[in-house]
All heavy atoms as atom14 arrays in JSON, in Angstrom:
{
  "sequence": "QVLGNLVGNAVNYLDPSRPGHISIGHVPQAESVVAAPSLVTYFVRDNG",
  "atom14_mask": [
    [1, 1, 1, 1, 1, 1, 1, 1, 1, 0, 0, 0, 0, 0],
    [1, 1, 1, 1, 1, 1, 1, 0, 0, 0, 0, 0, 0, 0],
    [1, 1, 1, 1, 1, 1, 1, 1, 0, 0, 0, 0, 0, 0],
    [1, 1, 1, 1, 0, 0, 0, 0, 0, 0, 0, 0, 0, 0],
    [1, 1, 1, 1, 1, 1, 1, 1, 0, 0, 0, 0, 0, 0],
    [1, 1, 1, 1, 1, 1, 1, 1, 0, 0, 0, 0, 0, 0],
    [1, 1, 1, 1, 1, 1, 1, 0, 0, 0, 0, 0, 0, 0],
    [1, 1, 1, 1, 0, 0, 0, 0, 0, 0, 0, 0, 0, 0],
    [1, 1, 1, 1, 1, 1, 1, 1, 0, 0, 0, 0, 0, 0],
    [1, 1, 1, 1, 1, 0, 0, 0, 0, 0, 0, 0, 0, 0],
    [1, 1, 1, 1, 1, 1, 1, 0, 0, 0, 0, 0, 0, 0],
    [1, 1, 1, 1, 1, 1, 1, 1, 0, 0, 0, 0, 0, 0],
    [1, 1, 1, 1, 1, 1, 1, 1, 1, 1, 1, 1, 0, 0],
    [1, 1, 1, 1, 1, 1, 1, 1, 0, 0, 0, 0, 0, 0],
    [1, 1, 1, 1, 1, 1, 1, 1, 0, 0, 0, 0, 0, 0],
    [1, 1, 1, 1, 1, 1, 1, 0, 0, 0, 0, 0, 0, 0],
    [1, 1, 1, 1, 1, 1, 0, 0, 0, 0, 0, 0, 0, 0],
    [1, 1, 1, 1, 1, 1, 1, 1, 1, 1, 1, 0, 0, 0],
    [1, 1, 1, 1, 1, 1, 1, 0, 0, 0, 0, 0, 0, 0],
    [1, 1, 1, 1, 0, 0, 0, 0, 0, 0, 0, 0, 0, 0],
    [1, 1, 1, 1, 1, 1, 1, 1, 1, 1, 0, 0, 0, 0],
    [1, 1, 1, 1, 1, 1, 1, 1, 0, 0, 0, 0, 0, 0],
    [1, 1, 1, 1, 1, 1, 0, 0, 0, 0, 0, 0, 0, 0],
    [1, 1, 1, 1, 1, 1, 1, 1, 0, 0, 0, 0, 0, 0],
    [1, 1, 1, 1, 0, 0, 0, 0, 0, 0, 0, 0, 0, 0],
    [1, 1, 1, 1, 1, 1, 1, 1, 1, 1, 0, 0, 0, 0],
    [1, 1, 1, 1, 1, 1, 1, 0, 0, 0, 0, 0, 0, 0],
    [1, 1, 1, 1, 1, 1, 1, 0, 0, 0, 0, 0, 0, 0],
    [1, 1, 1, 1, 1, 1, 1, 1, 1, 0, 0, 0, 0, 0],
    [1, 1, 1, 1, 1, 0, 0, 0, 0, 0, 0, 0, 0, 0],
    [1, 1, 1, 1, 1, 1, 1, 1, 1, 0, 0, 0, 0, 0],
    [1, 1, 1, 1, 1, 1, 0, 0, 0, 0, 0, 0, 0, 0],
    [1, 1, 1, 1, 1, 1, 1, 0, 0, 0, 0, 0, 0, 0],
    [1, 1, 1, 1, 1, 1, 1, 0, 0, 0, 0, 0, 0, 0],
    [1, 1, 1, 1, 1, 0, 0, 0, 0, 0, 0, 0, 0, 0],
    [1, 1, 1, 1, 1, 0, 0, 0, 0, 0, 0, 0, 0, 0],
    [1, 1, 1, 1, 1, 1, 1, 0, 0, 0, 0, 0, 0, 0],
    [1, 1, 1, 1, 1, 1, 0, 0, 0, 0, 0, 0, 0, 0],
    [1, 1, 1, 1, 1, 1, 1, 1, 0, 0, 0, 0, 0, 0],
    [1, 1, 1, 1, 1, 1, 1, 0, 0, 0, 0, 0, 0, 0],
    [1, 1, 1, 1, 1, 1, 1, 0, 0, 0, 0, 0, 0, 0],
    [1, 1, 1, 1, 1, 1, 1, 1, 1, 1, 1, 1, 0, 0],
    [1, 1, 1, 1, 1, 1, 1, 1, 1, 1, 1, 0, 0, 0],
    [1, 1, 1, 1, 1, 1, 1, 0, 0, 0, 0, 0, 0, 0],
    [1, 1, 1, 1, 1, 1, 1, 1, 1, 1, 1, 0, 0, 0],
    [1, 1, 1, 1, 1, 1, 1, 1, 0, 0, 0, 0, 0, 0],
    [1, 1, 1, 1, 1, 1, 1, 1, 0, 0, 0, 0, 0, 0],
    [1, 1, 1, 1, 0, 0, 0, 0, 0, 0, 0, 0, 0, 0]
  ],
  "atom14_positions": [
    [[91.16, 62.4, 81.7], [91.01, 62.43, 80.25], [90.35, 63.72, 79.79], [90.73, 64.3, 78.77], [90.2, 61.22, 79.77], [90.96, 59.91, 79.88], [90.09, 58.71, 79.54], [88.86, 58.79, 79.54], [90.73, 57.58, 79.27], [0.0, 0.0, 0.0], [0.0, 0.0, 0.0], [0.0, 0.0, 0.0], [0.0, 0.0, 0.0], [0.0, 0.0, 0.0]],
    [[89.35, 64.18, 80.54], [88.67, 65.43, 80.2], [89.65, 66.59, 80.21], [89.79, 67.35, 79.24], [87.5, 65.7, 81.17], [87.02, 67.15, 81.05], [86.35, 64.75, 80.91], [0.0, 0.0, 0.0], [0.0, 0.0, 0.0], [0.0, 0.0, 0.0], [0.0, 0.0, 0.0], [0.0, 0.0, 0.0], [0.0, 0.0, 0.0], [0.0, 0.0, 0.0]],
    [[90.34, 66.75, 81.33], [91.27, 67.87, 81.45], [92.43, 67.72, 80.45], [92.88, 68.71, 79.86], [91.8, 67.95, 82.88], [92.53, 69.25, 83.25], [91.62, 70.45, 83.07], [93.04, 69.19, 84.69], [0.0, 0.0, 0.0], [0.0, 0.0, 0.0], [0.0, 0.0, 0.0], [0.0, 0.0, 0.0], [0.0, 0.0, 0.0], [0.0, 0.0, 0.0]],
    [[92.9, 66.49, 80.25], [93.99, 66.26, 79.31], [93.6, 66.63, 77.89], [94.4, 67.19, 77.14], [0.0, 0.0, 0.0], [0.0, 0.0, 0.0], [0.0, 0.0, 0.0], [0.0, 0.0, 0.0], [0.0, 0.0, 0.0], [0.0, 0.0, 0.0], [0.0, 0.0, 0.0], [0.0, 0.0, 0.0], [0.0, 0.0, 0.0], [0.0, 0.0, 0.0]],
    [[92.36, 66.33, 77.52], [91.9, 66.69, 76.18], [91.87, 68.2, 76.0], [92.3, 68.72, 74.96], [90.51, 66.09, 75.94], [90.01, 66.33, 74.54], [89.54, 67.42, 74.22], [90.08, 65.31, 73.69], [0.0, 0.0, 0.0], [0.0, 0.0, 0.0], [0.0, 0.0, 0.0], [0.0, 0.0, 0.0], [0.0, 0.0, 0.0], [0.0, 0.0, 0.0]],
    [[91.39, 68.91, 77.01], [91.29, 70.37, 76.9], [92.68, 71.02, 76.85], [92.92, 71.94, 76.06], [90.48, 70.93, 78.07], [89.02, 70.48, 78.14], [88.33, 71.12, 79.34], [88.27, 70.81, 76.86], [0.0, 0.0, 0.0], [0.0, 0.0, 0.0], [0.0, 0.0, 0.0], [0.0, 0.0, 0.0], [0.0, 0.0, 0.0], [0.0, 0.0, 0.0]],
    [[93.59, 70.53, 77.68], [94.95, 71.07, 77.66], [95.63, 70.72, 76.34], [96.32, 71.55, 75.74], [95.77, 70.56, 78.86], [97.21, 71.04, 78.77], [95.14, 71.03, 80.17], [0.0, 0.0, 0.0], [0.0, 0.0, 0.0], [0.0, 0.0, 0.0], [0.0, 0.0, 0.0], [0.0, 0.0, 0.0], [0.0, 0.0, 0.0], [0.0, 0.0, 0.0]],
    [[95.43, 69.48, 75.87], [96.02, 69.08, 74.6], [95.53, 69.93, 73.44], [96.32, 70.33, 72.57], [0.0, 0.0, 0.0], [0.0, 0.0, 0.0], [0.0, 0.0, 0.0], [0.0, 0.0, 0.0], [0.0, 0.0, 0.0], [0.0, 0.0, 0.0], [0.0, 0.0, 0.0], [0.0, 0.0, 0.0], [0.0, 0.0, 0.0], [0.0, 0.0, 0.0]],
    [[94.24, 70.22, 73.42], [93.7, 71.09, 72.37], [94.3, 72.49, 72.46], [94.64, 73.1, 71.45], [92.18, 71.19, 72.49], [91.48, 69.98, 71.9], [92.09, 69.16, 71.23], [90.19, 69.87, 72.16], [0.0, 0.0, 0.0], [0.0, 0.0, 0.0], [0.0, 0.0, 0.0], [0.0, 0.0, 0.0], [0.0, 0.0, 0.0], [0.0, 0.0, 0.0]],
    [[94.43, 72.99, 73.68], [95.0, 74.33, 73.86], [96.42, 74.39, 73.31], [96.8, 75.36, 72.65], [94.97, 74.71, 75.34], [0.0, 0.0, 0.0], [0.0, 0.0, 0.0], [0.0, 0.0, 0.0], [0.0, 0.0, 0.0], [0.0, 0.0, 0.0], [0.0, 0.0, 0.0], [0.0, 0.0, 0.0], [0.0, 0.0, 0.0], [0.0, 0.0, 0.0]],
    [[97.19, 73.33, 73.56], [98.57, 73.29, 73.05], [98.58, 73.19, 71.52], [99.32, 73.9, 70.83], [99.34, 72.11, 73.67], [100.71, 71.95, 73.01], [99.5, 72.3, 75.17], [0.0, 0.0, 0.0], [0.0, 0.0, 0.0], [0.0, 0.0, 0.0], [0.0, 0.0, 0.0], [0.0, 0.0, 0.0], [0.0, 0.0, 0.0], [0.0, 0.0, 0.0]],
    [[97.74, 72.32, 70.99], [97.73, 72.09, 69.54], [97.33, 73.33, 68.75], [97.82, 73.54, 67.64], [96.77, 70.95, 69.2], [97.33, 69.59, 69.56], [98.54, 69.41, 69.64], [96.45, 68.63, 69.79], [0.0, 0.0, 0.0], [0.0, 0.0, 0.0], [0.0, 0.0, 0.0], [0.0, 0.0, 0.0], [0.0, 0.0, 0.0], [0.0, 0.0, 0.0]],
    [[96.42, 74.12, 69.33], [95.85, 75.23, 68.56], [96.35, 76.6, 69.02], [95.67, 77.6, 68.89], [94.33, 75.17, 68.61], [93.79, 73.89, 68.0], [93.18, 72.92, 68.78], [93.97, 73.64, 66.64], [92.72, 71.74, 68.22], [93.51, 72.46, 66.08], [92.88, 71.51, 66.87], [92.44, 70.34, 66.32], [0.0, 0.0, 0.0], [0.0, 0.0, 0.0]],
    [[97.58, 76.61, 69.55], [98.21, 77.89, 69.84], [98.54, 78.61, 68.54], [98.74, 78.0, 67.5], [99.48, 77.68, 70.67], [99.26, 77.26, 72.13], [100.59, 76.86, 72.76], [98.6, 78.37, 72.93], [0.0, 0.0, 0.0], [0.0, 0.0, 0.0], [0.0, 0.0, 0.0], [0.0, 0.0, 0.0], [0.0, 0.0, 0.0], [0.0, 0.0, 0.0]],
    [[98.62, 79.92, 68.62], [98.94, 80.74, 67.45], [100.46, 80.81, 67.31], [101.14, 81.33, 68.2], [98.35, 82.14, 67.63], [98.44, 82.98, 66.36], [99.35, 82.72, 65.55], [97.63, 83.9, 66.2], [0.0, 0.0, 0.0], [0.0, 0.0, 0.0], [0.0, 0.0, 0.0], [0.0, 0.0, 0.0], [0.0, 0.0, 0.0], [0.0, 0.0, 0.0]],
    [[101.02, 80.29, 66.22], [102.49, 80.28, 66.06], [103.09, 81.67, 65.92], [104.31, 81.82, 66.0], [102.71, 79.45, 64.79], [101.42, 79.56, 64.03], [100.35, 79.65, 65.07], [0.0, 0.0, 0.0], [0.0, 0.0, 0.0], [0.0, 0.0, 0.0], [0.0, 0.0, 0.0], [0.0, 0.0, 0.0], [0.0, 0.0, 0.0], [0.0, 0.0, 0.0]],
    [[102.25, 82.69, 65.74], [102.77, 84.04, 65.54], [103.08, 84.75, 66.86], [103.62, 85.86, 66.85], [101.77, 84.88, 64.73], [100.59, 85.13, 65.48], [0.0, 0.0, 0.0], [0.0, 0.0, 0.0], [0.0, 0.0, 0.0], [0.0, 0.0, 0.0], [0.0, 0.0, 0.0], [0.0, 0.0, 0.0], [0.0, 0.0, 0.0], [0.0, 0.0, 0.0]],
    [[102.75, 84.15, 68.0], [103.03, 84.79, 69.29], [103.31, 83.72, 70.35], [102.9, 82.57, 70.19], [101.87, 85.69, 69.73], [100.54, 84.97, 69.89], [99.48, 85.94, 70.41], [98.19, 85.3, 70.55], [97.24, 85.31, 69.61], [97.45, 85.93, 68.47], [96.08, 84.71, 69.82], [0.0, 0.0, 0.0], [0.0, 0.0, 0.0], [0.0, 0.0, 0.0]],
    [[104.0, 84.08, 71.43], [104.27, 83.11, 72.5], [102.98, 82.55, 73.08], [102.04, 83.29, 73.37], [105.04, 83.95, 73.53], [105.62, 85.08, 72.76], [104.63, 85.39, 71.68], [0.0, 0.0, 0.0], [0.0, 0.0, 0.0], [0.0, 0.0, 0.0], [0.0, 0.0, 0.0], [0.0, 0.0, 0.0], [0.0, 0.0, 0.0], [0.0, 0.0, 0.0]],
    [[102.94, 81.24, 73.22], [101.74, 80.6, 73.73], [101.66, 80.66, 75.25], [102.65, 80.5, 75.95], [0.0, 0.0, 0.0], [0.0, 0.0, 0.0], [0.0, 0.0, 0.0], [0.0, 0.0, 0.0], [0.0, 0.0, 0.0], [0.0, 0.0, 0.0], [0.0, 0.0, 0.0], [0.0, 0.0, 0.0], [0.0, 0.0, 0.0], [0.0, 0.0, 0.0]],
    [[100.44, 80.89, 75.75], [100.21, 80.93, 77.19], [98.91, 80.22, 77.5], [97.86, 80.55, 76.93], [100.16, 82.38, 77.68], [100.0, 82.49, 79.16], [99.47, 83.59, 79.78], [100.31, 81.61, 80.16], [99.44, 83.4, 81.08], [99.96, 82.2, 81.34], [0.0, 0.0, 0.0], [0.0, 0.0, 0.0], [0.0, 0.0, 0.0], [0.0, 0.0, 0.0]],
    [[98.98, 79.24, 78.38], [97.8, 78.47, 78.78], [97.67, 78.54, 80.3], [98.67, 78.4, 81.02], [97.94, 77.0, 78.35], [98.03, 76.92, 76.81], [96.76, 76.16, 78.85], [98.46, 75.56, 76.31], [0.0, 0.0, 0.0], [0.0, 0.0, 0.0], [0.0, 0.0, 0.0], [0.0, 0.0, 0.0], [0.0, 0.0, 0.0], [0.0, 0.0, 0.0]],
    [[96.47, 78.77, 80.78], [96.22, 78.84, 82.22], [95.17, 77.8, 82.6], [94.16, 77.63, 81.91], [95.71, 80.22, 82.61], [96.65, 81.23, 82.31], [0.0, 0.0, 0.0], [0.0, 0.0, 0.0], [0.0, 0.0, 0.0], [0.0, 0.0, 0.0], [0.0, 0.0, 0.0], [0.0, 0.0, 0.0], [0.0, 0.0, 0.0], [0.0, 0.0, 0.0]],
    [[95.43, 77.09, 83.7], [94.47, 76.14, 84.25], [94.08, 76.65, 85.63], [94.95, 76.85, 86.49], [95.08, 74.73, 84.37], [95.61, 74.25, 83.02], [94.06, 73.74, 84.93], [96.43, 72.98, 83.09], [0.0, 0.0, 0.0], [0.0, 0.0, 0.0], [0.0, 0.0, 0.0], [0.0, 0.0, 0.0], [0.0, 0.0, 0.0], [0.0, 0.0, 0.0]],
    [[92.81, 76.88, 85.85], [92.39, 77.45, 87.13], [90.93, 77.12, 87.42], [90.34, 76.23, 86.8], [0.0, 0.0, 0.0], [0.0, 0.0, 0.0], [0.0, 0.0, 0.0], [0.0, 0.0, 0.0], [0.0, 0.0, 0.0], [0.0, 0.0, 0.0], [0.0, 0.0, 0.0], [0.0, 0.0, 0.0], [0.0, 0.0, 0.0], [0.0, 0.0, 0.0]],
    [[90.36, 77.84, 88.38], [88.95, 77.63, 88.7], [88.26, 78.97, 88.88], [88.91, 80.0, 89.09], [88.8, 76.76, 89.95], [88.73, 77.51, 91.24], [89.84, 78.16, 91.79], [87.69, 77.76, 92.08], [89.48, 78.74, 92.92], [88.19, 78.53, 93.12], [0.0, 0.0, 0.0], [0.0, 0.0, 0.0], [0.0, 0.0, 0.0], [0.0, 0.0, 0.0]],
    [[86.95, 78.95, 88.76], [86.14, 80.15, 88.91], [85.51, 80.13, 90.3], [84.82, 79.17, 90.65], [85.03, 80.2, 87.84], [84.2, 81.47, 87.99], [85.63, 80.11, 86.44], [0.0, 0.0, 0.0], [0.0, 0.0, 0.0], [0.0, 0.0, 0.0], [0.0, 0.0, 0.0], [0.0, 0.0, 0.0], [0.0, 0.0, 0.0], [0.0, 0.0, 0.0]],
    [[85.76, 81.15, 91.11], [85.1, 81.2, 92.43], [83.59, 81.08, 92.29], [82.99, 81.58, 91.32], [85.51, 82.58, 92.97], [86.79, 82.89, 92.26], [86.65, 82.31, 90.88], [0.0, 0.0, 0.0], [0.0, 0.0, 0.0], [0.0, 0.0, 0.0], [0.0, 0.0, 0.0], [0.0, 0.0, 0.0], [0.0, 0.0, 0.0], [0.0, 0.0, 0.0]],
    [[82.97, 80.43, 93.26], [81.54, 80.17, 93.19], [80.74, 81.45, 92.96], [79.77, 81.47, 92.19], [81.06, 79.49, 94.48], [79.59, 79.12, 94.48], [79.24, 78.11, 93.4], [80.0, 77.19, 93.14], [78.09, 78.28, 92.76], [0.0, 0.0, 0.0], [0.0, 0.0, 0.0], [0.0, 0.0, 0.0], [0.0, 0.0, 0.0], [0.0, 0.0, 0.0]],
    [[81.15, 82.53, 93.58], [80.41, 83.79, 93.46], [80.44, 84.35, 92.04], [79.57, 85.12, 91.64], [80.96, 84.82, 94.43], [0.0, 0.0, 0.0], [0.0, 0.0, 0.0], [0.0, 0.0, 0.0], [0.0, 0.0, 0.0], [0.0, 0.0, 0.0], [0.0, 0.0, 0.0], [0.0, 0.0, 0.0], [0.0, 0.0, 0.0], [0.0, 0.0, 0.0]],
    [[81.45, 83.95, 91.26], [81.61, 84.47, 89.89], [81.16, 83.47, 88.83], [81.11, 83.82, 87.65], [83.08, 84.84, 89.65], [83.63, 85.86, 90.62], [85.12, 86.07, 90.43], [85.63, 85.71, 89.35], [85.78, 86.56, 91.36], [0.0, 0.0, 0.0], [0.0, 0.0, 0.0], [0.0, 0.0, 0.0], [0.0, 0.0, 0.0], [0.0, 0.0, 0.0]],
    [[80.84, 82.25, 89.21], [80.51, 81.22, 88.25], [79.1, 81.43, 87.7], [78.19, 81.83, 88.41], [80.61, 79.84, 88.9], [80.21, 78.83, 87.99], [0.0, 0.0, 0.0], [0.0, 0.0, 0.0], [0.0, 0.0, 0.0], [0.0, 0.0, 0.0], [0.0, 0.0, 0.0], [0.0, 0.0, 0.0], [0.0, 0.0, 0.0], [0.0, 0.0, 0.0]],
    [[78.95, 81.12, 86.4], [77.62, 81.2, 85.78], [76.77, 79.99, 86.15], [75.58, 79.97, 85.86], [77.74, 81.3, 84.24], [78.51, 82.53, 83.83], [78.38, 80.05, 83.65], [0.0, 0.0, 0.0], [0.0, 0.0, 0.0], [0.0, 0.0, 0.0], [0.0, 0.0, 0.0], [0.0, 0.0, 0.0], [0.0, 0.0, 0.0], [0.0, 0.0, 0.0]],
    [[77.39, 78.98, 86.76], [76.65, 77.8, 87.2], [76.13, 78.07, 88.61], [76.89, 78.07, 89.58], [77.53, 76.54, 87.19], [76.73, 75.34, 87.65], [78.08, 76.31, 85.79], [0.0, 0.0, 0.0], [0.0, 0.0, 0.0], [0.0, 0.0, 0.0], [0.0, 0.0, 0.0], [0.0, 0.0, 0.0], [0.0, 0.0, 0.0], [0.0, 0.0, 0.0]],
    [[74.85, 78.3, 88.72], [74.25, 78.63, 90.02], [73.96, 77.35, 90.79], [72.82, 77.0, 91.05], [72.98, 79.44, 89.81], [0.0, 0.0, 0.0], [0.0, 0.0, 0.0], [0.0, 0.0, 0.0], [0.0, 0.0, 0.0], [0.0, 0.0, 0.0], [0.0, 0.0, 0.0], [0.0, 0.0, 0.0], [0.0, 0.0, 0.0], [0.0, 0.0, 0.0]],
    [[75.01, 76.64, 91.15], [74.85, 75.38, 91.88], [76.07, 75.19, 92.78], [77.16, 74.88, 92.29], [74.71, 74.21, 90.91], [0.0, 0.0, 0.0], [0.0, 0.0, 0.0], [0.0, 0.0, 0.0], [0.0, 0.0, 0.0], [0.0, 0.0, 0.0], [0.0, 0.0, 0.0], [0.0, 0.0, 0.0], [0.0, 0.0, 0.0], [0.0, 0.0, 0.0]],
    [[75.91, 75.38, 94.07], [77.04, 75.2, 94.98], [77.57, 73.77, 95.0], [78.67, 73.52, 95.5], [76.46, 75.6, 96.34], [74.98, 75.45, 96.2], [74.67, 75.77, 94.76], [0.0, 0.0, 0.0], [0.0, 0.0, 0.0], [0.0, 0.0, 0.0], [0.0, 0.0, 0.0], [0.0, 0.0, 0.0], [0.0, 0.0, 0.0], [0.0, 0.0, 0.0]],
    [[76.81, 72.84, 94.44], [77.27, 71.45, 94.41], [78.29, 71.21, 93.31], [78.88, 70.14, 93.22], [76.08, 70.51, 94.2], [75.45, 70.79, 92.96], [0.0, 0.0, 0.0], [0.0, 0.0, 0.0], [0.0, 0.0, 0.0], [0.0, 0.0, 0.0], [0.0, 0.0, 0.0], [0.0, 0.0, 0.0], [0.0, 0.0, 0.0], [0.0, 0.0, 0.0]],
    [[78.52, 72.24, 92.44], [79.47, 72.11, 91.35], [80.62, 73.1, 91.52], [80.43, 74.2, 92.04], [78.79, 72.38, 90.0], [77.68, 71.42, 89.58], [77.04, 71.91, 88.27], [78.21, 70.0, 89.4], [0.0, 0.0, 0.0], [0.0, 0.0, 0.0], [0.0, 0.0, 0.0], [0.0, 0.0, 0.0], [0.0, 0.0, 0.0], [0.0, 0.0, 0.0]],
    [[81.8, 72.69, 91.08], [82.95, 73.59, 91.06], [83.39, 73.72, 89.6], [83.44, 72.74, 88.86], [84.11, 73.05, 91.94], [84.53, 71.66, 91.52], [85.29, 74.0, 91.92], [0.0, 0.0, 0.0], [0.0, 0.0, 0.0], [0.0, 0.0, 0.0], [0.0, 0.0, 0.0], [0.0, 0.0, 0.0], [0.0, 0.0, 0.0], [0.0, 0.0, 0.0]],
    [[83.68, 74.95, 89.19], [83.98, 75.23, 87.78], [85.48, 75.46, 87.57], [86.07, 76.33, 88.2], [83.2, 76.47, 87.29], [81.8, 76.25, 87.47], [83.48, 76.73, 85.81], [0.0, 0.0, 0.0], [0.0, 0.0, 0.0], [0.0, 0.0, 0.0], [0.0, 0.0, 0.0], [0.0, 0.0, 0.0], [0.0, 0.0, 0.0], [0.0, 0.0, 0.0]],
    [[86.04, 74.67, 86.67], [87.45, 74.81, 86.28], [87.51, 75.41, 84.88], [86.54, 75.37, 84.12], [88.14, 73.46, 86.3], [88.04, 72.74, 87.62], [87.0, 71.84, 87.86], [88.95, 72.99, 88.64], [86.87, 71.2, 89.08], [88.83, 72.35, 89.87], [87.8, 71.46, 90.09], [87.67, 70.83, 91.29], [0.0, 0.0, 0.0], [0.0, 0.0, 0.0]],
    [[88.68, 75.95, 84.52], [88.83, 76.46, 83.16], [90.22, 76.14, 82.63], [91.18, 75.97, 83.38], [88.58, 77.98, 83.1], [89.58, 78.82, 83.85], [90.84, 79.12, 83.32], [89.27, 79.33, 85.11], [91.75, 79.89, 84.01], [90.19, 80.11, 85.81], [91.43, 80.4, 85.26], [0.0, 0.0, 0.0], [0.0, 0.0, 0.0], [0.0, 0.0, 0.0]],
    [[90.29, 76.04, 81.29], [91.56, 75.96, 80.56], [91.52, 77.09, 79.54], [90.73, 77.07, 78.6], [91.74, 74.6, 79.85], [93.03, 74.6, 79.04], [91.74, 73.47, 80.87], [0.0, 0.0, 0.0], [0.0, 0.0, 0.0], [0.0, 0.0, 0.0], [0.0, 0.0, 0.0], [0.0, 0.0, 0.0], [0.0, 0.0, 0.0], [0.0, 0.0, 0.0]],
    [[92.36, 78.09, 79.77], [92.34, 79.3, 78.93], [93.63, 79.38, 78.11], [94.71, 79.09, 78.62], [92.19, 80.54, 79.81], [92.17, 81.86, 79.03], [92.09, 83.05, 79.97], [90.82, 83.09, 80.69], [90.69, 83.01, 82.01], [91.79, 82.89, 82.78], [89.51, 83.06, 82.58], [0.0, 0.0, 0.0], [0.0, 0.0, 0.0], [0.0, 0.0, 0.0]],
    [[93.52, 79.76, 76.85], [94.7, 79.9, 76.0], [94.62, 81.18, 75.17], [93.55, 81.8, 75.07], [94.84, 78.69, 75.08], [93.7, 78.6, 74.06], [93.63, 79.45, 73.15], [92.88, 77.66, 74.17], [0.0, 0.0, 0.0], [0.0, 0.0, 0.0], [0.0, 0.0, 0.0], [0.0, 0.0, 0.0], [0.0, 0.0, 0.0], [0.0, 0.0, 0.0]],
    [[95.73, 81.57, 74.61], [95.78, 82.73, 73.72], [96.03, 82.27, 72.29], [96.8, 82.86, 71.55], [96.86, 83.72, 74.16], [98.27, 83.15, 74.03], [98.45, 81.92, 74.01], [99.26, 84.01, 73.92], [0.0, 0.0, 0.0], [0.0, 0.0, 0.0], [0.0, 0.0, 0.0], [0.0, 0.0, 0.0], [0.0, 0.0, 0.0], [0.0, 0.0, 0.0]],
    [[95.35, 81.18, 71.9], [95.59, 80.55, 70.61], [94.79, 81.12, 69.46], [94.45, 82.31, 69.43], [0.0, 0.0, 0.0], [0.0, 0.0, 0.0], [0.0, 0.0, 0.0], [0.0, 0.0, 0.0], [0.0, 0.0, 0.0], [0.0, 0.0, 0.0], [0.0, 0.0, 0.0], [0.0, 0.0, 0.0], [0.0, 0.0, 0.0], [0.0, 0.0, 0.0]]
  ]
}
């Protein structure tokens, strides 16, 4: 439900003036702002 909500928002709020692009991925631990190896960070990125 969490991921579905984020992807759904990304789709809903795309900019109609340009082709929409959404990426679902993760941030390597070394690059994450969360300084906790017990957590893994995912992202939903859009050009909306």
